[in-house]
Protein backbone atom coordinates (compact mmCIF):
# COMPACT_ATOMS: atom_id res chain seq x y z
CA MET A 1 -12.58 -10.51 -2.88
CA SER A 2 -9.84 -10.20 -0.27
CA ALA A 3 -11.07 -10.67 3.30
CA ASP A 4 -9.29 -7.53 4.52
CA LEU A 5 -11.08 -5.11 2.14
CA TRP A 6 -13.52 -4.23 4.92
CA GLU A 7 -10.71 -2.33 6.64
CA PRO A 8 -10.13 1.41 6.06
CA SER A 9 -7.50 2.39 3.51
CA ALA A 10 -6.26 5.10 5.93
CA GLN A 11 -5.00 4.59 9.46
CA ILE A 12 -7.33 5.80 12.20
CA ALA A 13 -4.60 8.11 13.49
CA THR A 14 -4.44 9.77 10.05
CA LEU A 15 -8.21 10.19 10.01
CA GLN A 16 -7.94 11.90 13.41
CA GLN A 17 -5.38 14.30 11.91
CA ARG A 18 -7.72 14.87 8.99
CA ALA A 19 -10.56 15.74 11.37
CA GLU A 20 -8.33 18.30 13.11
CA ILE A 21 -7.44 19.89 9.78
CA LEU A 22 -11.14 20.19 8.88
CA ARG A 23 -11.81 21.78 12.28
CA THR A 24 -8.97 24.26 11.64
CA ILE A 25 -10.39 25.16 8.23
CA ARG A 26 -13.87 25.75 9.62
CA GLU A 27 -12.47 27.94 12.38
CA PHE A 28 -10.44 29.86 9.78
CA PHE A 29 -13.61 30.81 7.92
CA TYR A 30 -15.66 31.36 11.08
CA GLN A 31 -13.14 33.97 12.20
CA ARG A 32 -13.50 35.70 8.81
CA ASN A 33 -17.31 35.67 8.84
CA VAL A 34 -17.54 33.41 5.77
CA MET A 35 -20.75 31.35 5.91
CA GLU A 36 -20.66 27.57 5.46
CA VAL A 37 -23.25 26.30 2.95
CA GLU A 38 -24.42 23.03 1.44
CA THR A 39 -25.58 22.50 -2.13
CA PRO A 40 -26.82 19.41 -4.02
CA SER A 41 -24.46 16.69 -5.18
CA LEU A 42 -26.96 15.76 -7.90
CA SER A 43 -27.94 18.26 -10.59
CA ALA A 44 -29.81 18.27 -13.89
CA ALA A 45 -26.75 19.81 -15.56
CA SER A 46 -23.01 19.50 -15.26
CA VAL A 47 -19.80 21.09 -16.50
CA THR A 48 -19.06 21.25 -20.21
CA ASP A 49 -15.30 21.42 -19.52
CA ILE A 50 -13.66 19.19 -22.13
CA HIS A 51 -11.14 17.86 -19.60
CA LEU A 52 -13.75 16.66 -17.07
CA ALA A 53 -16.05 13.63 -17.19
CA SER A 54 -19.15 13.47 -14.98
CA PHE A 55 -20.98 10.50 -13.50
CA LYS A 56 -24.55 10.31 -14.77
CA THR A 57 -27.54 8.57 -13.20
CA HIS A 58 -31.30 8.38 -13.81
CA PHE A 59 -33.96 9.32 -11.26
CA VAL A 60 -37.50 7.96 -11.42
CA GLY A 61 -39.88 9.21 -8.76
CA PRO A 62 -42.81 11.49 -7.92
CA GLY A 63 -43.20 14.08 -10.64
CA HIS A 64 -40.62 12.34 -12.83
CA ALA A 65 -42.26 9.10 -13.93
CA ALA A 66 -40.55 9.40 -17.30
CA GLY A 67 -37.23 9.73 -15.54
CA LEU A 68 -34.79 12.56 -14.99
CA ASP A 69 -31.11 12.46 -15.91
CA LEU A 70 -28.93 13.72 -13.07
CA TYR A 71 -25.20 14.33 -12.79
CA LEU A 72 -22.97 13.94 -9.77
CA GLN A 73 -21.27 17.29 -9.47
CA THR A 74 -17.59 17.71 -10.34
CA SER A 75 -17.60 20.74 -8.00
CA PRO A 76 -20.25 22.81 -6.19
CA GLU A 77 -19.37 25.91 -8.24
CA PHE A 78 -22.59 26.44 -10.21
CA ALA A 79 -24.89 26.07 -7.21
CA MET A 80 -22.71 28.28 -5.03
CA LYS A 81 -22.80 31.01 -7.67
CA ARG A 82 -26.59 30.84 -7.58
CA LEU A 83 -26.39 31.50 -3.84
CA LEU A 84 -24.06 34.44 -4.46
CA ALA A 85 -26.50 35.89 -7.00
CA ALA A 86 -29.26 35.52 -4.39
CA GLY A 87 -27.26 37.67 -1.96
CA SER A 88 -25.50 35.13 0.27
CA GLY A 89 -22.31 37.14 0.68
CA ALA A 90 -19.02 35.33 1.31
CA ILE A 91 -19.53 31.55 1.44
CA TYR A 92 -17.56 28.30 1.63
CA GLN A 93 -18.34 24.61 1.38
CA ILE A 94 -16.58 21.36 2.26
CA CYS A 95 -18.20 18.64 0.19
CA LYS A 96 -17.84 15.49 -1.86
CA ALA A 97 -17.15 15.94 -5.58
CA PHE A 98 -17.12 13.28 -8.27
CA ARG A 99 -15.11 12.89 -11.47
CA ASN A 100 -15.24 9.90 -13.77
CA GLU A 101 -11.51 9.71 -14.37
CA GLU A 102 -8.55 7.64 -13.31
CA ALA A 103 -7.90 6.52 -9.75
CA GLY A 104 -4.28 6.69 -8.67
CA LYS A 105 -1.70 8.30 -6.44
CA HIS A 106 -3.40 11.71 -6.40
CA HIS A 107 -6.88 10.79 -7.72
CA ASN A 108 -9.99 9.06 -6.43
CA PRO A 109 -13.28 9.31 -8.36
CA GLU A 110 -14.98 10.52 -5.16
CA PHE A 111 -13.01 13.16 -3.28
CA THR A 112 -13.42 16.05 -0.86
CA MET A 113 -13.32 19.64 -2.05
CA LEU A 114 -13.11 22.95 -0.24
CA GLU A 115 -14.59 25.75 -2.33
CA TRP A 116 -15.09 29.37 -1.35
CA TYR A 117 -16.15 32.69 -2.85
CA ARG A 118 -15.31 36.21 -1.79
CA PRO A 119 -17.44 39.08 -3.18
CA GLY A 120 -15.28 42.16 -3.65
CA PHE A 121 -12.03 40.17 -3.92
CA ASP A 122 -9.93 39.89 -7.06
CA GLU A 123 -7.61 36.95 -7.73
CA PHE A 124 -4.73 38.58 -5.85
CA ALA A 125 -6.75 39.20 -2.68
CA LEU A 126 -7.96 35.60 -2.79
CA MET A 127 -4.41 34.31 -3.29
CA ASN A 128 -3.45 36.20 -0.12
CA GLU A 129 -6.19 34.43 1.84
CA ILE A 130 -5.29 31.01 0.44
CA ASP A 131 -1.68 31.68 1.37
CA GLU A 132 -2.72 32.38 4.97
CA LEU A 133 -4.63 29.09 5.11
CA MET A 134 -1.67 27.15 3.67
CA GLN A 135 0.69 28.63 6.25
CA LEU A 136 -1.78 27.73 9.02
CA VAL A 137 -2.42 24.13 7.94
CA LEU A 138 0.96 23.16 6.48
CA ASP A 139 3.32 25.43 8.47
CA VAL A 140 5.03 26.56 5.27
CA GLN A 141 6.70 29.75 4.10
CA PRO A 142 4.62 32.32 2.16
CA ALA A 143 3.92 31.20 -1.38
CA GLU A 144 5.88 32.24 -4.45
CA ARG A 145 3.96 33.87 -7.32
CA LEU A 146 4.78 33.49 -11.00
CA THR A 147 2.84 34.33 -14.14
CA TYR A 148 2.04 31.42 -16.45
CA GLN A 149 3.99 33.21 -19.17
CA GLY A 150 7.02 33.76 -16.94
CA ALA A 151 7.14 30.18 -15.63
CA PHE A 152 6.75 28.71 -19.12
CA GLU A 153 9.47 30.94 -20.58
CA HIS A 154 11.84 30.25 -17.68
CA VAL A 155 11.55 26.45 -17.93
CA LEU A 156 11.00 25.95 -21.67
CA GLY A 157 12.40 29.11 -23.27
CA LEU A 158 9.25 29.87 -25.29
CA ASP A 159 6.55 32.50 -24.82
CA PRO A 160 3.26 30.55 -24.50
CA LEU A 161 1.16 33.60 -25.39
CA THR A 162 2.76 34.16 -28.79
CA ALA A 163 4.05 30.71 -29.77
CA THR A 164 2.53 29.21 -32.90
CA LEU A 165 1.04 25.73 -33.10
CA GLU A 166 4.07 24.62 -35.09
CA GLN A 167 6.49 25.97 -32.45
CA LEU A 168 4.61 24.15 -29.71
CA GLN A 169 4.57 20.93 -31.71
CA GLN A 170 8.31 21.17 -32.27
CA LEU A 171 8.95 21.89 -28.58
CA ALA A 172 6.83 18.92 -27.56
CA ILE A 173 8.69 16.66 -30.00
CA GLU A 174 12.03 17.86 -28.61
CA HIS A 175 10.88 16.88 -25.11
CA GLY A 176 9.84 13.38 -26.11
CA PHE A 177 6.14 13.77 -26.86
CA ALA A 178 6.23 13.17 -30.61
CA ASP A 179 3.48 10.54 -30.42
CA ILE A 180 1.08 13.20 -29.13
CA ALA A 181 2.39 16.34 -30.80
CA ALA A 182 2.63 15.15 -34.40
CA ASP A 183 -1.13 15.00 -34.98
CA GLU A 184 -2.31 17.48 -32.35
CA SER A 185 -4.08 20.52 -33.82
CA HIS A 186 -5.36 22.03 -30.56
CA ARG A 187 -2.93 24.62 -29.25
CA ASP A 188 -4.10 24.44 -25.65
CA THR A 189 -3.67 20.68 -25.52
CA LEU A 190 0.01 21.15 -26.33
CA LEU A 191 0.35 24.00 -23.85
CA GLN A 192 -1.21 21.89 -21.11
CA LEU A 193 0.93 18.89 -22.00
CA LEU A 194 4.14 20.90 -21.80
CA PHE A 195 3.11 22.77 -18.68
CA CYS A 196 2.01 19.62 -16.87
CA MET A 197 5.00 17.48 -17.83
CA LYS A 198 7.84 20.02 -17.81
CA VAL A 199 6.87 23.11 -15.77
CA GLU A 200 4.83 21.70 -12.88
CA PRO A 201 7.56 19.28 -11.71
CA VAL A 202 10.04 22.11 -11.05
CA ILE A 203 7.82 24.71 -9.34
CA GLY A 204 6.57 24.82 -5.76
CA GLN A 205 9.13 22.46 -4.28
CA ASP A 206 10.40 24.38 -1.24
CA ARG A 207 7.25 26.43 -0.71
CA PRO A 208 3.84 26.65 -2.39
CA CYS A 209 3.73 28.44 -5.74
CA PHE A 210 0.86 30.33 -7.36
CA ILE A 211 0.81 30.39 -11.15
CA TYR A 212 -1.49 33.16 -12.35
CA HIS A 213 -2.69 34.82 -15.56
CA PHE A 214 -3.31 31.65 -17.54
CA PRO A 215 -3.86 32.11 -21.30
CA ALA A 216 -7.31 33.52 -22.12
CA SER A 217 -8.03 30.33 -24.10
CA GLN A 218 -7.80 28.45 -20.77
CA ALA A 219 -9.98 30.90 -18.84
CA ALA A 220 -12.65 28.29 -17.96
CA LEU A 221 -15.01 30.35 -15.76
CA ALA A 222 -12.61 33.24 -15.16
CA SER A 223 -12.88 36.79 -16.49
CA ILE A 224 -10.42 38.10 -19.07
CA CYS A 225 -7.92 40.59 -17.68
CA SER A 226 -8.67 44.18 -18.65
CA HIS A 227 -4.97 45.12 -18.88
CA ASP A 228 -4.07 42.23 -21.21
CA GLU A 229 -6.76 40.36 -23.13
CA ARG A 230 -4.34 37.52 -23.83
CA VAL A 231 -4.64 36.31 -20.23
CA ALA A 232 -7.40 35.46 -17.76
CA GLY A 233 -7.88 36.11 -14.04
CA ARG A 234 -7.19 32.44 -13.33
CA PHE A 235 -4.59 30.94 -11.00
CA GLU A 236 -3.49 27.55 -9.72
CA LEU A 237 -1.57 26.58 -6.59
CA TYR A 238 1.19 23.94 -6.66
CA TYR A 239 3.23 22.39 -3.88
CA GLN A 240 5.55 19.39 -3.88
CA HIS A 241 4.42 17.89 -7.19
CA MET A 242 0.72 18.44 -6.54
CA GLU A 243 -1.85 20.83 -7.95
CA LEU A 244 -3.74 21.95 -4.85
CA ALA A 245 -6.15 24.65 -6.01
CA ASN A 246 -7.70 26.28 -9.06
CA GLY A 247 -9.13 29.79 -8.68
CA PHE A 248 -10.76 32.54 -10.71
CA ASN A 249 -11.61 36.17 -10.77
CA GLU A 250 -15.09 35.01 -11.66
CA LEU A 251 -16.83 35.64 -14.98
CA THR A 252 -20.10 37.51 -14.40
CA ASP A 253 -21.21 37.98 -18.03
CA ALA A 254 -24.06 35.56 -18.83
CA GLN A 255 -23.73 35.86 -22.61
CA GLU A 256 -20.00 35.17 -22.51
CA GLN A 257 -20.60 32.19 -20.23
CA VAL A 258 -23.15 30.72 -22.66
CA LYS A 259 -20.69 31.19 -25.52
CA ARG A 260 -17.97 29.32 -23.62
CA PHE A 261 -20.34 26.47 -22.77
CA LYS A 262 -21.42 26.20 -26.44
CA ASP A 263 -17.79 26.26 -27.59
CA ASP A 264 -17.01 23.41 -25.16
CA ASN A 265 -19.89 21.33 -26.48
CA ALA A 266 -18.89 22.03 -30.07
CA TYR A 267 -15.41 20.71 -29.28
CA ARG A 268 -16.95 17.72 -27.50
CA LYS A 269 -19.10 16.90 -30.53
CA SER A 270 -16.21 17.18 -32.98
CA ASN A 271 -14.05 14.92 -30.80
CA ASN A 272 -16.66 12.22 -30.14
CA LEU A 273 -17.20 13.24 -26.52
CA ASN A 274 -20.67 13.37 -24.97
CA GLU A 275 -22.23 16.82 -25.02
CA VAL A 276 -23.39 18.10 -21.62
CA PRO A 277 -26.59 20.10 -21.00
CA ILE A 278 -25.85 23.76 -20.26
CA ASP A 279 -26.81 24.73 -16.72
CA LEU A 280 -29.52 27.28 -17.51
CA ARG A 281 -30.14 27.91 -13.82
CA LEU A 282 -26.58 29.21 -13.56
CA ILE A 283 -27.10 31.37 -16.64
CA ASN A 284 -30.32 32.78 -15.14
CA ALA A 285 -28.40 33.58 -11.95
CA LEU A 286 -25.73 35.41 -13.94
CA GLU A 287 -28.44 37.35 -15.77
CA HIS A 288 -29.96 38.28 -12.41
CA GLY A 289 -26.55 39.52 -11.33
CA LEU A 290 -23.52 37.76 -9.89
CA PRO A 291 -21.50 40.15 -7.72
CA GLN A 292 -17.89 40.71 -8.72
CA CYS A 293 -16.04 38.04 -6.77
CA ALA A 294 -13.14 35.63 -6.71
CA GLY A 295 -13.50 31.93 -5.99
CA VAL A 296 -11.32 28.88 -5.57
CA ALA A 297 -11.60 25.09 -5.36
CA LEU A 298 -9.00 23.33 -3.19
CA GLY A 299 -8.46 19.59 -2.84
CA ILE A 300 -8.81 18.60 0.82
CA ASP A 301 -7.43 15.10 0.34
CA ARG A 302 -4.25 16.41 -1.27
CA LEU A 303 -3.91 19.04 1.45
CA VAL A 304 -4.16 16.30 4.09
CA MET A 305 -1.57 14.24 2.18
CA LEU A 306 0.87 17.12 2.46
CA ALA A 307 0.06 17.83 6.10
CA THR A 308 0.48 14.17 7.14
CA GLN A 309 3.31 13.39 4.69
CA LYS A 310 1.39 10.55 3.05
CA GLN A 311 2.30 9.45 -0.47
CA THR A 312 -1.07 8.37 -1.87
CA ILE A 313 -4.63 9.64 -1.61
CA LYS A 314 -5.89 6.31 -0.29
CA ASP A 315 -3.76 6.87 2.82
CA VAL A 316 -5.84 9.91 3.85
CA ILE A 317 -9.41 8.83 3.03
CA ALA A 318 -11.40 6.27 4.97
CA PHE A 319 -12.13 4.01 1.99
CA ASP A 320 -10.68 4.48 -1.48
CA VAL A 321 -12.54 3.33 -4.59
CA ASP A 322 -11.22 -0.24 -4.29
CA ARG A 323 -12.67 -0.50 -0.76
CA ALA A 324 -15.84 1.58 -1.24
């Protein structure tokens, strides 16, 4: 082990800037009467999302002599929705989140997330508030807004809502992804590949850019739009080659949520991925009644990277995974 690995991966001056940004964020929500909350990092359930991998551990203690499997949370979403169902009103949280995926320029398995929920807001009202926060922290121009369909058509010349699997395969092959496209039978995998590799690099360069109305098949925990059932009330925020935030007009239907979780686990099983226990406490909260609301998760580390003009995530966190 190198003798200098005791040292922080970020400069102290950068960590001071980070602290100021966190203070600014807390003041932003204080002025808007949004309550700060804390929820557990460990939970008996985790997300079924096929694109996320959780860390799992085993607790043995009073009342659990046989042991209890626990998951480090990929986001505080489920627990925060339980607070909303209990009548918390508008809430936010700045917390650690954990994802068992690659570490690199924009990723660390342990990272800091800002998540907030606004009862009575739809996705457009929440985008307005996020835009205000971005202008405050990053001193940028107001964000651009594009539909997923419009951005995809503009860059790739194909309508993602009507394109067939074969059309998407052919488009992916034309753009150099034949090794993936030839045997891929999942339409959304091809959509995400093309969007990530070809669309994301050209949007949000001069100012932040919201992409909204993702395909309904990529709704995650968002509601389906009443005016067009092909799309969901989901949006993402991009700026200078980084995905900063992922937000929803939240799904409140417990039965639909269970169906989506089961569909995820069915896909996991058929693709040799570990199935994940469904969070029944979340389902019970939805059955009790989740108020209509919009919510968003925003990566603090990436936001600090942009604010301090740092090129890698390790430059804005005290100790990256190689120094933890």
